[in-house]
Amino acid sequence: MTPFAELRIQTPRLLLRPLDDGDADALFAIFSDPAVMRYWSTPPWADTAQALRLLEGEREALAGRRDLRLGLVPHGGDGRVVGTLSLYKINAACRSADIGYALARAEQGRGLMNEALAAVIDCAFDHRPGAPFDDLQLNRIEADIDPRNAASCRALERLGFQREGLLRERWIVAGEVSDSAMYGLLRADWMARR
């Protein structure tokens, strides 16, 4: 087991690492962009204090292994976070977690999120002794996606997630009503694909 606060995952183009206070401006830039937040379950952020509150909450969640939010940092860049990927609502008894992600608009369409998702899922489903999540023995990862977000739906389906249901009129964000497409991925299915 690797403490969440120490987890680092390398992919060919990215370093995935826990967020720190120096990421506040980058997070605000991502989560204040209406295009990025179009299908999110909250409106775009209005001030940097929201980034600081998120970072404060992250420290406690990391320590308790309840939630893990990693920043996506491109190799060879300036070290700035360009997106986030989260495993949250980690339920040890049910061996499950939810997954969520956001990527800066300028970085979209290059396959970075697919690369990051595959790496985190590999890590989450690795049950070998000493693996970062070996104590959790995760068996299922779920995602709640606005079905109008076709790019996100395709990304999950490419990774083997199955659309398992639709929750009608689940969210009301800034007066706009939206549905939730529920996706699930089982460890056995992921391992068979790998």
N, C-alpha and C. Protein backbone atom coordinates (compact mmCIF):
# COMPACT_ATOMS: atom_id res chain seq x y z
N MET A 1 0.84 -1.18 0.00
CA MET A 1 0.00 0.00 0.00
C MET A 1 0.88 1.24 0.00
N THR A 2 0.59 2.15 -0.90
CA THR A 2 1.27 3.43 -0.96
C THR A 2 0.34 4.49 -0.39
N PRO A 3 0.79 5.27 0.58
CA PRO A 3 -0.07 6.37 1.03
C PRO A 3 -0.46 7.25 -0.15
N PHE A 4 -1.72 7.63 -0.21
CA PHE A 4 -2.20 8.43 -1.33
C PHE A 4 -1.38 9.71 -1.50
N ALA A 5 -0.96 10.31 -0.41
CA ALA A 5 -0.20 11.57 -0.49
C ALA A 5 1.16 11.38 -1.15
N GLU A 6 1.64 10.14 -1.26
CA GLU A 6 2.95 9.86 -1.86
C GLU A 6 2.84 9.23 -3.25
N LEU A 7 1.63 9.00 -3.72
CA LEU A 7 1.43 8.28 -4.99
C LEU A 7 1.87 9.13 -6.18
N ARG A 8 2.67 8.53 -7.04
CA ARG A 8 3.08 9.15 -8.30
C ARG A 8 2.94 8.08 -9.37
N ILE A 9 2.29 8.43 -10.47
CA ILE A 9 2.11 7.51 -11.59
C ILE A 9 2.67 8.17 -12.83
N GLN A 10 3.58 7.48 -13.50
CA GLN A 10 4.18 7.98 -14.73
C GLN A 10 3.52 7.30 -15.93
N THR A 11 3.19 8.08 -16.94
CA THR A 11 2.73 7.54 -18.22
C THR A 11 3.70 8.08 -19.27
N PRO A 12 3.58 7.66 -20.52
CA PRO A 12 4.52 8.18 -21.53
C PRO A 12 4.56 9.71 -21.61
N ARG A 13 3.41 10.36 -21.39
CA ARG A 13 3.38 11.83 -21.55
C ARG A 13 3.06 12.60 -20.29
N LEU A 14 2.76 11.91 -19.19
CA LEU A 14 2.25 12.59 -18.00
C LEU A 14 2.88 12.08 -16.71
N LEU A 15 2.92 12.96 -15.74
CA LEU A 15 3.09 12.59 -14.34
C LEU A 15 1.76 12.85 -13.67
N LEU A 16 1.23 11.85 -12.98
CA LEU A 16 0.02 12.01 -12.19
C LEU A 16 0.46 12.04 -10.74
N ARG A 17 0.11 13.12 -10.04
CA ARG A 17 0.56 13.31 -8.65
C ARG A 17 -0.52 13.99 -7.84
N PRO A 18 -0.46 13.80 -6.50
CA PRO A 18 -1.42 14.52 -5.66
C PRO A 18 -1.26 16.04 -5.84
N LEU A 19 -2.34 16.74 -5.66
CA LEU A 19 -2.34 18.19 -5.78
C LEU A 19 -1.67 18.82 -4.57
N ASP A 20 -1.12 20.02 -4.76
CA ASP A 20 -0.57 20.77 -3.64
C ASP A 20 -1.00 22.23 -3.77
N ASP A 21 -0.68 23.02 -2.76
CA ASP A 21 -1.15 24.42 -2.72
C ASP A 21 -0.69 25.23 -3.93
N GLY A 22 0.43 24.86 -4.52
CA GLY A 22 0.93 25.57 -5.69
C GLY A 22 0.08 25.36 -6.94
N ASP A 23 -0.90 24.45 -6.86
CA ASP A 23 -1.75 24.17 -8.01
C ASP A 23 -3.02 25.01 -8.05
N ALA A 24 -3.20 25.90 -7.09
CA ALA A 24 -4.47 26.64 -6.98
C ALA A 24 -4.80 27.42 -8.25
N ASP A 25 -3.85 28.15 -8.80
CA ASP A 25 -4.13 28.96 -9.99
C ASP A 25 -4.48 28.08 -11.20
N ALA A 26 -3.75 26.98 -11.37
CA ALA A 26 -4.04 26.07 -12.49
C ALA A 26 -5.41 25.44 -12.33
N LEU A 27 -5.76 25.04 -11.12
CA LEU A 27 -7.08 24.46 -10.87
C LEU A 27 -8.18 25.47 -11.16
N PHE A 28 -7.97 26.69 -10.72
CA PHE A 28 -8.98 27.72 -10.98
C PHE A 28 -9.14 27.93 -12.49
N ALA A 29 -8.04 27.94 -13.24
CA ALA A 29 -8.12 28.13 -14.69
C ALA A 29 -8.95 27.00 -15.33
N ILE A 30 -8.78 25.78 -14.86
CA ILE A 30 -9.52 24.64 -15.42
C ILE A 30 -10.99 24.71 -15.04
N PHE A 31 -11.26 24.85 -13.74
CA PHE A 31 -12.62 24.72 -13.24
C PHE A 31 -13.45 26.00 -13.32
N SER A 32 -12.85 27.08 -13.80
CA SER A 32 -13.63 28.30 -14.06
C SER A 32 -14.01 28.41 -15.53
N ASP A 33 -13.52 27.51 -16.35
CA ASP A 33 -13.78 27.54 -17.79
C ASP A 33 -15.16 26.93 -18.07
N PRO A 34 -16.11 27.71 -18.58
CA PRO A 34 -17.45 27.16 -18.84
C PRO A 34 -17.46 25.98 -19.80
N ALA A 35 -16.52 25.93 -20.75
CA ALA A 35 -16.47 24.80 -21.68
C ALA A 35 -16.07 23.51 -20.97
N VAL A 36 -15.13 23.59 -20.05
CA VAL A 36 -14.71 22.42 -19.28
C VAL A 36 -15.84 21.97 -18.36
N MET A 37 -16.55 22.91 -17.79
CA MET A 37 -17.57 22.61 -16.79
C MET A 37 -18.95 22.39 -17.40
N ARG A 38 -19.05 22.40 -18.71
CA ARG A 38 -20.34 22.28 -19.39
C ARG A 38 -21.17 21.10 -18.89
N TYR A 39 -20.54 19.97 -18.69
CA TYR A 39 -21.28 18.77 -18.30
C TYR A 39 -20.97 18.35 -16.87
N TRP A 40 -20.45 19.24 -16.08
CA TRP A 40 -20.08 18.96 -14.69
C TRP A 40 -21.32 19.08 -13.81
N SER A 41 -21.24 18.58 -12.59
CA SER A 41 -22.40 18.63 -11.69
C SER A 41 -22.42 19.88 -10.82
N THR A 42 -21.54 20.83 -11.12
CA THR A 42 -21.54 22.13 -10.45
C THR A 42 -21.25 23.20 -11.50
N PRO A 43 -21.63 24.45 -11.24
CA PRO A 43 -21.29 25.51 -12.20
C PRO A 43 -19.80 25.82 -12.18
N PRO A 44 -19.31 26.55 -13.17
CA PRO A 44 -17.90 26.97 -13.16
C PRO A 44 -17.57 27.75 -11.89
N TRP A 45 -16.35 27.59 -11.45
CA TRP A 45 -15.91 28.31 -10.26
C TRP A 45 -15.90 29.82 -10.54
N ALA A 46 -16.20 30.57 -9.48
CA ALA A 46 -16.28 32.02 -9.62
C ALA A 46 -15.06 32.73 -9.02
N ASP A 47 -14.34 32.07 -8.10
CA ASP A 47 -13.16 32.72 -7.52
C ASP A 47 -12.15 31.67 -7.05
N THR A 48 -10.92 32.13 -6.88
CA THR A 48 -9.83 31.22 -6.52
C THR A 48 -10.00 30.61 -5.14
N ALA A 49 -10.84 31.19 -4.30
CA ALA A 49 -11.08 30.61 -2.97
C ALA A 49 -11.63 29.19 -3.10
N GLN A 50 -12.35 28.90 -4.17
CA GLN A 50 -12.88 27.55 -4.37
C GLN A 50 -11.74 26.55 -4.58
N ALA A 51 -10.70 26.97 -5.29
CA ALA A 51 -9.53 26.11 -5.48
C ALA A 51 -8.83 25.86 -4.15
N LEU A 52 -8.71 26.88 -3.36
CA LEU A 52 -8.05 26.73 -2.06
C LEU A 52 -8.85 25.81 -1.13
N ARG A 53 -10.18 25.91 -1.16
CA ARG A 53 -11.02 25.01 -0.35
C ARG A 53 -10.87 23.57 -0.81
N LEU A 54 -10.83 23.37 -2.12
CA LEU A 54 -10.64 22.02 -2.63
C LEU A 54 -9.31 21.44 -2.15
N LEU A 55 -8.26 22.22 -2.25
CA LEU A 55 -6.94 21.75 -1.83
C LEU A 55 -6.91 21.43 -0.33
N GLU A 56 -7.56 22.23 0.46
CA GLU A 56 -7.62 21.98 1.90
C GLU A 56 -8.33 20.66 2.20
N GLY A 57 -9.44 20.42 1.52
CA GLY A 57 -10.17 19.17 1.70
C GLY A 57 -9.41 17.96 1.20
N GLU A 58 -8.58 18.15 0.20
CA GLU A 58 -7.80 17.05 -0.36
C GLU A 58 -6.86 16.43 0.66
N ARG A 59 -6.23 17.24 1.49
CA ARG A 59 -5.26 16.72 2.46
C ARG A 59 -5.92 15.72 3.40
N GLU A 60 -7.09 16.05 3.89
CA GLU A 60 -7.81 15.16 4.80
C GLU A 60 -8.27 13.89 4.09
N ALA A 61 -8.79 14.03 2.88
CA ALA A 61 -9.27 12.88 2.11
C ALA A 61 -8.13 11.93 1.76
N LEU A 62 -6.97 12.49 1.40
CA LEU A 62 -5.80 11.65 1.09
C LEU A 62 -5.36 10.85 2.31
N ALA A 63 -5.30 11.53 3.44
CA ALA A 63 -4.84 10.86 4.66
C ALA A 63 -5.77 9.71 5.04
N GLY A 64 -7.07 9.88 4.84
CA GLY A 64 -8.04 8.85 5.20
C GLY A 64 -8.29 7.82 4.12
N ARG A 65 -7.60 7.95 2.96
CA ARG A 65 -7.77 7.03 1.82
C ARG A 65 -9.23 6.90 1.39
N ARG A 66 -9.97 8.03 1.53
CA ARG A 66 -11.37 8.07 1.09
C ARG A 66 -11.49 8.53 -0.35
N ASP A 67 -10.66 9.47 -0.73
CA ASP A 67 -10.67 10.06 -2.06
C ASP A 67 -9.23 10.27 -2.51
N LEU A 68 -9.03 10.18 -3.81
CA LEU A 68 -7.73 10.46 -4.39
C LEU A 68 -7.95 11.33 -5.61
N ARG A 69 -7.39 12.52 -5.59
CA ARG A 69 -7.45 13.40 -6.77
C ARG A 69 -6.00 13.66 -7.18
N LEU A 70 -5.70 13.30 -8.43
CA LEU A 70 -4.35 13.48 -8.96
C LEU A 70 -4.36 14.59 -10.00
N GLY A 71 -3.30 15.37 -9.99
CA GLY A 71 -3.10 16.37 -11.03
C GLY A 71 -2.35 15.76 -12.20
N LEU A 72 -2.72 16.14 -13.40
CA LEU A 72 -2.04 15.68 -14.62
C LEU A 72 -1.04 16.74 -15.04
N VAL A 73 0.24 16.36 -15.05
CA VAL A 73 1.31 17.30 -15.39
C VAL A 73 2.06 16.74 -16.61
N PRO A 74 2.03 17.43 -17.75
CA PRO A 74 2.75 16.94 -18.92
C PRO A 74 4.26 16.93 -18.71
N HIS A 75 4.92 15.88 -19.20
CA HIS A 75 6.39 15.83 -19.16
C HIS A 75 6.94 16.95 -20.04
N GLY A 76 8.04 17.52 -19.60
CA GLY A 76 8.71 18.53 -20.41
C GLY A 76 8.06 19.89 -20.41
N GLY A 77 7.01 20.05 -19.61
CA GLY A 77 6.35 21.35 -19.55
C GLY A 77 6.88 22.18 -18.39
N ASP A 78 6.05 23.12 -17.96
CA ASP A 78 6.44 24.02 -16.88
C ASP A 78 6.01 23.50 -15.50
N GLY A 79 5.50 22.26 -15.44
CA GLY A 79 5.08 21.68 -14.17
C GLY A 79 3.65 22.02 -13.79
N ARG A 80 2.96 22.72 -14.65
CA ARG A 80 1.60 23.15 -14.38
C ARG A 80 0.61 22.01 -14.59
N VAL A 81 -0.33 21.88 -13.67
CA VAL A 81 -1.40 20.90 -13.77
C VAL A 81 -2.34 21.31 -14.90
N VAL A 82 -2.66 20.35 -15.79
CA VAL A 82 -3.56 20.64 -16.92
C VAL A 82 -4.88 19.88 -16.79
N GLY A 83 -5.02 19.10 -15.74
CA GLY A 83 -6.25 18.36 -15.53
C GLY A 83 -6.20 17.62 -14.21
N THR A 84 -7.33 17.02 -13.86
CA THR A 84 -7.40 16.21 -12.65
C THR A 84 -8.10 14.90 -12.95
N LEU A 85 -7.76 13.88 -12.18
CA LEU A 85 -8.40 12.59 -12.27
C LEU A 85 -8.60 12.10 -10.85
N SER A 86 -9.81 11.73 -10.52
CA SER A 86 -10.15 11.37 -9.14
C SER A 86 -10.74 9.98 -9.03
N LEU A 87 -10.32 9.27 -8.01
CA LEU A 87 -11.04 8.11 -7.51
C LEU A 87 -11.65 8.59 -6.21
N TYR A 88 -12.96 8.54 -6.10
CA TYR A 88 -13.62 9.07 -4.92
C TYR A 88 -14.76 8.15 -4.52
N LYS A 89 -15.37 8.46 -3.39
CA LYS A 89 -16.38 7.57 -2.82
C LYS A 89 -15.84 6.15 -2.74
N ILE A 90 -14.59 6.04 -2.32
CA ILE A 90 -13.97 4.73 -2.20
C ILE A 90 -14.68 3.97 -1.09
N ASN A 91 -15.24 2.83 -1.43
CA ASN A 91 -16.02 2.02 -0.50
C ASN A 91 -15.27 0.71 -0.29
N ALA A 92 -14.52 0.62 0.80
CA ALA A 92 -13.70 -0.56 1.06
C ALA A 92 -14.56 -1.81 1.22
N ALA A 93 -15.72 -1.68 1.85
CA ALA A 93 -16.58 -2.85 2.08
C ALA A 93 -17.09 -3.43 0.76
N CYS A 94 -17.43 -2.56 -0.19
CA CYS A 94 -17.94 -3.01 -1.48
C CYS A 94 -16.84 -3.13 -2.54
N ARG A 95 -15.61 -2.72 -2.15
CA ARG A 95 -14.46 -2.77 -3.05
C ARG A 95 -14.72 -2.01 -4.34
N SER A 96 -15.27 -0.80 -4.17
CA SER A 96 -15.63 0.01 -5.34
C SER A 96 -15.21 1.46 -5.15
N ALA A 97 -15.19 2.18 -6.26
CA ALA A 97 -14.89 3.62 -6.24
C ALA A 97 -15.53 4.25 -7.46
N ASP A 98 -15.77 5.54 -7.38
CA ASP A 98 -16.21 6.33 -8.52
C ASP A 98 -14.97 6.97 -9.14
N ILE A 99 -15.07 7.29 -10.42
CA ILE A 99 -13.98 7.96 -11.11
C ILE A 99 -14.52 9.22 -11.77
N GLY A 100 -13.73 10.27 -11.74
CA GLY A 100 -14.11 11.54 -12.36
C GLY A 100 -12.87 12.24 -12.89
N TYR A 101 -13.06 13.14 -13.84
CA TYR A 101 -11.91 13.75 -14.47
C TYR A 101 -12.30 15.05 -15.15
N ALA A 102 -11.30 15.91 -15.30
CA ALA A 102 -11.46 17.18 -16.01
C ALA A 102 -10.13 17.52 -16.66
N LEU A 103 -10.20 18.09 -17.85
CA LEU A 103 -8.99 18.43 -18.58
C LEU A 103 -9.14 19.82 -19.18
N ALA A 104 -8.09 20.62 -19.05
CA ALA A 104 -8.11 21.97 -19.62
C ALA A 104 -8.48 21.91 -21.11
N ARG A 105 -9.24 22.87 -21.53
CA ARG A 105 -9.74 22.88 -22.91
C ARG A 105 -8.61 22.78 -23.94
N ALA A 106 -7.52 23.47 -23.70
CA ALA A 106 -6.40 23.47 -24.66
C ALA A 106 -5.74 22.10 -24.79
N GLU A 107 -5.95 21.23 -23.83
CA GLU A 107 -5.31 19.90 -23.83
C GLU A 107 -6.23 18.81 -24.35
N GLN A 108 -7.49 19.12 -24.60
CA GLN A 108 -8.45 18.11 -25.00
C GLN A 108 -8.21 17.64 -26.44
N GLY A 109 -8.61 16.40 -26.70
CA GLY A 109 -8.52 15.85 -28.04
C GLY A 109 -7.18 15.25 -28.41
N ARG A 110 -6.26 15.13 -27.46
CA ARG A 110 -4.93 14.59 -27.73
C ARG A 110 -4.71 13.21 -27.09
N GLY A 111 -5.73 12.68 -26.43
CA GLY A 111 -5.60 11.36 -25.82
C GLY A 111 -4.96 11.36 -24.44
N LEU A 112 -4.70 12.54 -23.89
CA LEU A 112 -4.06 12.60 -22.57
C LEU A 112 -4.93 11.98 -21.48
N MET A 113 -6.23 12.27 -21.51
CA MET A 113 -7.09 11.74 -20.45
C MET A 113 -7.21 10.23 -20.58
N ASN A 114 -7.29 9.71 -21.79
CA ASN A 114 -7.35 8.26 -21.97
C ASN A 114 -6.10 7.60 -21.38
N GLU A 115 -4.95 8.21 -21.63
CA GLU A 115 -3.68 7.71 -21.10
C GLU A 115 -3.69 7.72 -19.57
N ALA A 116 -4.17 8.81 -19.00
CA ALA A 116 -4.22 8.93 -17.54
C ALA A 116 -5.22 7.95 -16.94
N LEU A 117 -6.39 7.84 -17.55
CA LEU A 117 -7.42 6.92 -17.04
C LEU A 117 -6.90 5.49 -17.05
N ALA A 118 -6.29 5.06 -18.14
CA ALA A 118 -5.78 3.69 -18.22
C ALA A 118 -4.75 3.43 -17.13
N ALA A 119 -3.87 4.39 -16.89
CA ALA A 119 -2.83 4.20 -15.87
C ALA A 119 -3.42 4.11 -14.46
N VAL A 120 -4.40 4.95 -14.17
CA VAL A 120 -5.01 4.92 -12.84
C VAL A 120 -5.83 3.65 -12.65
N ILE A 121 -6.54 3.23 -13.68
CA ILE A 121 -7.31 2.00 -13.57
C ILE A 121 -6.38 0.80 -13.38
N ASP A 122 -5.29 0.76 -14.13
CA ASP A 122 -4.30 -0.31 -13.93
C ASP A 122 -3.84 -0.36 -12.47
N CYS A 123 -3.53 0.79 -11.96
CA CYS A 123 -3.05 0.91 -10.57
C CYS A 123 -4.14 0.49 -9.58
N ALA A 124 -5.36 0.95 -9.81
CA ALA A 124 -6.46 0.68 -8.88
C ALA A 124 -6.81 -0.80 -8.83
N PHE A 125 -6.69 -1.49 -9.95
CA PHE A 125 -7.05 -2.91 -10.02
C PHE A 125 -5.86 -3.85 -9.77
N ASP A 126 -4.69 -3.30 -9.46
CA ASP A 126 -3.51 -4.12 -9.18
C ASP A 126 -3.58 -4.61 -7.74
N HIS A 127 -3.81 -5.88 -7.56
CA HIS A 127 -3.95 -6.47 -6.22
C HIS A 127 -2.67 -7.10 -5.70
N ARG A 128 -1.59 -7.00 -6.42
CA ARG A 128 -0.34 -7.61 -5.96
C ARG A 128 0.11 -6.96 -4.65
N PRO A 129 0.72 -7.75 -3.76
CA PRO A 129 1.23 -7.18 -2.50
C PRO A 129 2.19 -6.03 -2.78
N GLY A 130 1.99 -4.94 -2.07
CA GLY A 130 2.83 -3.76 -2.23
C GLY A 130 2.35 -2.78 -3.28
N ALA A 131 1.34 -3.16 -4.06
CA ALA A 131 0.79 -2.23 -5.05
C ALA A 131 0.08 -1.09 -4.32
N PRO A 132 -0.03 0.08 -4.95
CA PRO A 132 -0.60 1.24 -4.25
C PRO A 132 -1.98 1.03 -3.64
N PHE A 133 -2.81 0.20 -4.27
CA PHE A 133 -4.18 -0.01 -3.79
C PHE A 133 -4.39 -1.42 -3.26
N ASP A 134 -3.33 -2.15 -2.95
CA ASP A 134 -3.49 -3.57 -2.60
C ASP A 134 -4.38 -3.79 -1.38
N ASP A 135 -4.44 -2.82 -0.49
CA ASP A 135 -5.30 -2.96 0.70
C ASP A 135 -6.79 -2.82 0.36
N LEU A 136 -7.11 -2.15 -0.73
CA LEU A 136 -8.51 -1.91 -1.08
C LEU A 136 -9.11 -3.03 -1.93
N GLN A 137 -8.27 -3.73 -2.69
CA GLN A 137 -8.75 -4.84 -3.52
C GLN A 137 -9.97 -4.42 -4.36
N LEU A 138 -9.85 -3.28 -5.02
CA LEU A 138 -10.98 -2.76 -5.78
C LEU A 138 -11.44 -3.74 -6.85
N ASN A 139 -12.75 -3.89 -6.98
CA ASN A 139 -13.36 -4.79 -7.94
C ASN A 139 -14.20 -4.05 -8.97
N ARG A 140 -14.60 -2.81 -8.67
CA ARG A 140 -15.52 -2.09 -9.55
C ARG A 140 -15.21 -0.59 -9.50
N ILE A 141 -15.25 0.02 -10.68
CA ILE A 141 -15.12 1.47 -10.79
C ILE A 141 -16.33 1.97 -11.56
N GLU A 142 -16.94 3.03 -11.04
CA GLU A 142 -18.16 3.59 -11.63
C GLU A 142 -17.93 5.03 -12.08
N ALA A 143 -18.70 5.44 -13.07
CA ALA A 143 -18.64 6.82 -13.54
C ALA A 143 -20.06 7.31 -13.80
N ASP A 144 -20.30 8.55 -13.45
CA ASP A 144 -21.58 9.24 -13.64
C ASP A 144 -21.31 10.35 -14.67
N ILE A 145 -21.83 10.17 -15.88
CA ILE A 145 -21.52 11.07 -16.99
C ILE A 145 -22.80 11.67 -17.55
N ASP A 146 -22.76 12.95 -17.86
CA ASP A 146 -23.87 13.56 -18.58
C ASP A 146 -23.90 12.92 -19.97
N PRO A 147 -24.99 12.27 -20.36
CA PRO A 147 -25.00 11.54 -21.63
C PRO A 147 -24.82 12.45 -22.85
N ARG A 148 -24.99 13.76 -22.70
CA ARG A 148 -24.74 14.68 -23.81
C ARG A 148 -23.24 14.86 -24.06
N ASN A 149 -22.42 14.44 -23.10
CA ASN A 149 -20.97 14.57 -23.22
C ASN A 149 -20.44 13.35 -24.00
N ALA A 150 -20.63 13.39 -25.30
CA ALA A 150 -20.30 12.24 -26.14
C ALA A 150 -18.82 11.87 -26.07
N ALA A 151 -17.94 12.85 -25.98
CA ALA A 151 -16.50 12.55 -25.92
C ALA A 151 -16.17 11.75 -24.66
N SER A 152 -16.75 12.14 -23.54
CA SER A 152 -16.49 11.42 -22.29
C SER A 152 -17.08 10.01 -22.34
N CYS A 153 -18.27 9.88 -22.90
CA CYS A 153 -18.88 8.54 -23.03
C CYS A 153 -18.00 7.64 -23.89
N ARG A 154 -17.50 8.18 -25.01
CA ARG A 154 -16.63 7.39 -25.88
C ARG A 154 -15.34 7.00 -25.18
N ALA A 155 -14.78 7.92 -24.40
CA ALA A 155 -13.53 7.63 -23.68
C ALA A 155 -13.72 6.46 -22.72
N LEU A 156 -14.81 6.47 -21.99
CA LEU A 156 -15.07 5.37 -21.05
C LEU A 156 -15.30 4.06 -21.80
N GLU A 157 -16.06 4.12 -22.87
CA GLU A 157 -16.36 2.90 -23.62
C GLU A 157 -15.11 2.31 -24.25
N ARG A 158 -14.17 3.16 -24.71
CA ARG A 158 -12.90 2.66 -25.24
C ARG A 158 -12.12 1.89 -24.19
N LEU A 159 -12.29 2.26 -22.94
CA LEU A 159 -11.58 1.60 -21.84
C LEU A 159 -12.33 0.37 -21.32
N GLY A 160 -13.49 0.09 -21.86
CA GLY A 160 -14.23 -1.11 -21.46
C GLY A 160 -15.36 -0.88 -20.48
N PHE A 161 -15.62 0.36 -20.12
CA PHE A 161 -16.77 0.64 -19.25
C PHE A 161 -18.05 0.29 -20.00
N GLN A 162 -19.01 -0.22 -19.26
CA GLN A 162 -20.32 -0.55 -19.81
C GLN A 162 -21.34 0.47 -19.32
N ARG A 163 -22.16 0.95 -20.23
CA ARG A 163 -23.26 1.82 -19.80
C ARG A 163 -24.32 0.93 -19.16
N GLU A 164 -24.62 1.20 -17.91
CA GLU A 164 -25.48 0.31 -17.13
C GLU A 164 -26.84 0.91 -16.80
N GLY A 165 -27.01 2.18 -17.08
CA GLY A 165 -28.31 2.77 -16.80
C GLY A 165 -28.33 4.26 -17.04
N LEU A 166 -29.53 4.79 -16.93
CA LEU A 166 -29.74 6.22 -17.10
C LEU A 166 -30.61 6.72 -15.95
N LEU A 167 -30.13 7.72 -15.26
CA LEU A 167 -30.91 8.37 -14.21
C LEU A 167 -31.44 9.68 -14.79
N ARG A 168 -32.73 9.73 -14.99
CA ARG A 168 -33.34 10.88 -15.66
C ARG A 168 -33.43 12.09 -14.74
N GLU A 169 -33.13 13.24 -15.31
CA GLU A 169 -33.24 14.53 -14.61
C GLU A 169 -32.60 14.47 -13.22
N ARG A 170 -31.39 13.96 -13.17
CA ARG A 170 -30.69 13.77 -11.89
C ARG A 170 -30.09 15.07 -11.35
N TRP A 171 -29.58 15.91 -12.24
CA TRP A 171 -28.88 17.12 -11.81
C TRP A 171 -29.62 18.37 -12.28
N ILE A 172 -29.55 19.40 -11.45
CA ILE A 172 -29.97 20.74 -11.86
C ILE A 172 -28.81 21.66 -11.52
N VAL A 173 -28.15 22.15 -12.54
CA VAL A 173 -26.97 22.99 -12.37
C VAL A 173 -27.25 24.32 -13.04
N ALA A 174 -27.22 25.39 -12.26
CA ALA A 174 -27.49 26.73 -12.77
C ALA A 174 -28.81 26.75 -13.55
N GLY A 175 -29.81 26.04 -13.05
CA GLY A 175 -31.12 26.01 -13.65
C GLY A 175 -31.30 25.04 -14.81
N GLU A 176 -30.23 24.38 -15.23
CA GLU A 176 -30.31 23.43 -16.34
C GLU A 176 -30.43 22.00 -15.81
N VAL A 177 -31.45 21.30 -16.28
CA VAL A 177 -31.70 19.92 -15.85
C VAL A 177 -30.96 18.98 -16.78
N SER A 178 -30.31 17.96 -16.19
CA SER A 178 -29.60 16.97 -17.02
C SER A 178 -29.72 15.58 -16.43
N ASP A 179 -29.55 14.61 -17.29
CA ASP A 179 -29.58 13.21 -16.91
C ASP A 179 -28.18 12.75 -16.51
N SER A 180 -28.09 11.53 -15.98
CA SER A 180 -26.82 10.88 -15.70
C SER A 180 -26.79 9.52 -16.38
N ALA A 181 -25.78 9.29 -17.18
CA ALA A 181 -25.51 7.96 -17.71
C ALA A 181 -24.56 7.29 -16.73
N MET A 182 -24.93 6.12 -16.25
CA MET A 182 -24.12 5.41 -15.26
C MET A 182 -23.30 4.33 -15.97
N TYR A 183 -22.00 4.40 -15.76
CA TYR A 183 -21.07 3.45 -16.36
C TYR A 183 -20.37 2.65 -15.27
N GLY A 184 -20.03 1.40 -15.58
CA GLY A 184 -19.30 0.56 -14.64
C GLY A 184 -18.24 -0.26 -15.35
N LEU A 185 -17.16 -0.51 -14.63
CA LEU A 185 -16.06 -1.34 -15.12
C LEU A 185 -15.69 -2.31 -14.02
N LEU A 186 -15.69 -3.60 -14.32
CA LEU A 186 -15.30 -4.63 -13.37
C LEU A 186 -13.84 -5.00 -13.57
N ARG A 187 -13.18 -5.33 -12.48
CA ARG A 187 -11.77 -5.72 -12.55
C ARG A 187 -11.58 -6.89 -13.51
N ALA A 188 -12.45 -7.89 -13.45
CA ALA A 188 -12.29 -9.07 -14.32
C ALA A 188 -12.32 -8.67 -15.79
N ASP A 189 -13.18 -7.74 -16.14
CA ASP A 189 -13.26 -7.28 -17.53
C ASP A 189 -11.99 -6.52 -17.92
N TRP A 190 -11.50 -5.68 -17.02
CA TRP A 190 -10.27 -4.92 -17.29
C TRP A 190 -9.09 -5.86 -17.46
N MET A 191 -8.95 -6.83 -16.58
CA MET A 191 -7.82 -7.75 -16.65
C MET A 191 -7.88 -8.59 -17.92
N ALA A 192 -9.07 -8.95 -18.37
CA ALA A 192 -9.22 -9.73 -19.60
C ALA A 192 -8.78 -8.91 -20.81
N ARG A 193 -9.02 -7.60 -20.77
CA ARG A 193 -8.62 -6.72 -21.87
C ARG A 193 -7.12 -6.48 -21.88
N ARG A 194 -6.48 -6.52 -20.71
CA ARG A 194 -5.06 -6.21 -20.60
C ARG A 194 -4.24 -7.41 -20.99
